[in-house]
C-alpha cells in the first residue's frame, strides 16, 4: 500500500513516447562523434590485426596438420 502512494502518477502513452524521443535527441547531442580520420585509422588497425591473426592461426593449423599426418 505504501508503494502505491509513493509511486509517481503514470503519464499518457503519447506523452511518454514524446518524452523518450526528446531525451534520446538530447543524449545524442552530448555524444562525442569520431572524426573521419579517426574512423579510417581504426579501420586500418582492425584490418592489420585481422590479417596478422589469420597468418598466425594459419601457421598453427599447418603445424598441427603436419604433426598429425606424420605421426603413425
C-alpha atoms as a PDB file:
ATOM      1  CA  UNK A   1       0.000   0.000   0.000  1.00  0.00           C
ATOM      2  CA  UNK A   2       2.835   2.404   0.845  1.00  0.00           C
ATOM      3  CA  UNK A   3       4.474   1.774  -2.515  1.00  0.00           C
ATOM      4  CA  UNK A   4       1.352   2.815  -4.383  1.00  0.00           C
ATOM      5  CA  UNK A   5       1.247   6.175  -2.601  1.00  0.00           C
ATOM      6  CA  UNK A   6       4.923   6.943  -3.303  1.00  0.00           C
ATOM      7  CA  UNK A   7       4.786   5.949  -6.980  1.00  0.00           C
ATOM      8  CA  UNK A   8       4.647   8.774  -9.490  1.00  0.00           C
ATOM      9  CA  UNK A   9       1.396   9.009 -11.427  1.00  0.00           C
ATOM     10  CA  UNK A  10       1.574   7.452 -14.897  1.00  0.00           C
ATOM     11  CA  UNK A  11       1.520   9.841 -17.801  1.00  0.00           C
ATOM     12  CA  UNK A  12      -0.366   9.110 -21.019  1.00  0.00           C
ATOM     13  CA  UNK A  13       1.384   6.897 -23.562  1.00  0.00           C
ATOM     14  CA  UNK A  14       1.734   9.692 -26.124  1.00  0.00           C
ATOM     15  CA  UNK A  15       3.473  11.967 -23.627  1.00  0.00           C
ATOM     16  CA  UNK A  16       5.873   9.186 -22.618  1.00  0.00           C
ATOM     17  CA  UNK A  17       6.767   8.492 -26.263  1.00  0.00           C
ATOM     18  CA  UNK A  18       7.408  12.167 -26.980  1.00  0.00           C
ATOM     19  CA  UNK A  19       9.496  12.447 -23.811  1.00  0.00           C
ATOM     20  CA  UNK A  20      11.535   9.393 -24.834  1.00  0.00           C
ATOM     21  CA  UNK A  21      12.454  10.923 -28.192  1.00  0.00           C
ATOM     22  CA  UNK A  22      13.281  14.280 -26.604  1.00  0.00           C
ATOM     23  CA  UNK A  23      15.630  12.595 -24.132  1.00  0.00           C
ATOM     24  CA  UNK A  24      17.183  10.456 -26.878  1.00  0.00           C
ATOM     25  CA  UNK A  25      17.856  13.552 -29.004  1.00  0.00           C
ATOM     26  CA  UNK A  26      19.363  15.378 -26.025  1.00  0.00           C
ATOM     27  CA  UNK A  27      21.605  12.387 -25.305  1.00  0.00           C
ATOM     28  CA  UNK A  28      22.768  12.199 -28.921  1.00  0.00           C
ATOM     29  CA  UNK A  29      23.730  15.875 -28.823  1.00  0.00           C
ATOM     30  CA  UNK A  30      26.122  15.098 -25.940  1.00  0.00           C
ATOM     31  CA  UNK A  31      27.866  12.273 -27.814  1.00  0.00           C
ATOM     32  CA  UNK A  32      31.426  12.885 -28.963  1.00  0.00           C
ATOM     33  CA  UNK A  33      31.467  11.595 -32.532  1.00  0.00           C
ATOM     34  CA  UNK A  34      34.653  10.274 -34.113  1.00  0.00           C
ATOM     35  CA  UNK A  35      36.182  12.202 -36.972  1.00  0.00           C
ATOM     36  CA  UNK A  36      36.544  10.689 -40.436  1.00  0.00           C
ATOM     37  CA  UNK A  37      40.304  10.372 -39.926  1.00  0.00           C
ATOM     38  CA  UNK A  38      39.855   8.524 -36.609  1.00  0.00           C
ATOM     39  CA  UNK A  39      37.464   6.065 -38.232  1.00  0.00           C
ATOM     40  CA  UNK A  40      39.892   5.428 -41.118  1.00  0.00           C
ATOM     41  CA  UNK A  41      42.774   4.833 -38.691  1.00  0.00           C
ATOM     42  CA  UNK A  42      40.680   2.499 -36.521  1.00  0.00           C
ATOM     43  CA  UNK A  43      39.611   0.519 -39.577  1.00  0.00           C
ATOM     44  CA  UNK A  44      43.229   0.153 -40.683  1.00  0.00           C
ATOM     45  CA  UNK A  45      44.244  -1.130 -37.254  1.00  0.00           C
ATOM     46  CA  UNK A  46      41.413  -3.674 -37.278  1.00  0.00           C
ATOM     47  CA  UNK A  47      42.320  -4.888 -40.780  1.00  0.00           C
ATOM     48  CA  UNK A  48      46.011  -5.284 -39.862  1.00  0.00           C
ATOM     49  CA  UNK A  49      45.074  -7.186 -36.706  1.00  0.00           C
ATOM     50  CA  UNK A  50      42.744  -9.462 -38.697  1.00  0.00           C
ATOM     51  CA  UNK A  51      45.465 -10.250 -41.265  1.00  0.00           C
ATOM     52  CA  UNK A  52      48.035 -10.973 -38.523  1.00  0.00           C
ATOM     53  CA  UNK A  53      45.549 -13.221 -36.727  1.00  0.00           C
ATOM     54  CA  UNK A  54      44.811 -15.097 -39.975  1.00  0.00           C
ATOM     55  CA  UNK A  55      48.513 -15.683 -40.613  1.00  0.00           C
ATOM     56  CA  UNK A  56      49.201 -16.853 -37.050  1.00  0.00           C
ATOM     57  CA  UNK A  57      46.194 -19.188 -36.985  1.00  0.00           C
ATOM     58  CA  UNK A  58      47.076 -20.496 -40.437  1.00  0.00           C
ATOM     59  CA  UNK A  59      50.611 -21.301 -39.282  1.00  0.00           C
ATOM     60  CA  UNK A  60      49.343 -23.037 -36.156  1.00  0.00           C
ATOM     61  CA  UNK A  61      46.876 -25.040 -38.267  1.00  0.00           C
ATOM     62  CA  UNK A  62      49.634 -26.033 -40.696  1.00  0.00           C
ATOM     63  CA  UNK A  63      51.930 -27.131 -37.871  1.00  0.00           C
ATOM     64  CA  UNK A  64      49.231 -29.256 -36.224  1.00  0.00           C
ATOM     65  CA  UNK A  65      48.220 -30.748 -39.566  1.00  0.00           C
ATOM     66  CA  UNK A  66      51.853 -31.662 -40.276  1.00  0.00           C
ATOM     67  CA  UNK A  67      52.231 -33.218 -36.807  1.00  0.00           C
ATOM     68  CA  UNK A  68      49.050 -35.281 -37.052  1.00  0.00           C
ATOM     69  CA  UNK A  69      49.785 -36.572 -40.565  1.00  0.00           C
ATOM     70  CA  UNK A  70      53.364 -37.571 -39.750  1.00  0.00           C
ATOM     71  CA  UNK A  71      52.549 -39.455 -36.553  1.00  0.00           C
ATOM     72  CA  UNK A  72      51.535 -43.117 -37.007  1.00  0.00           C
END
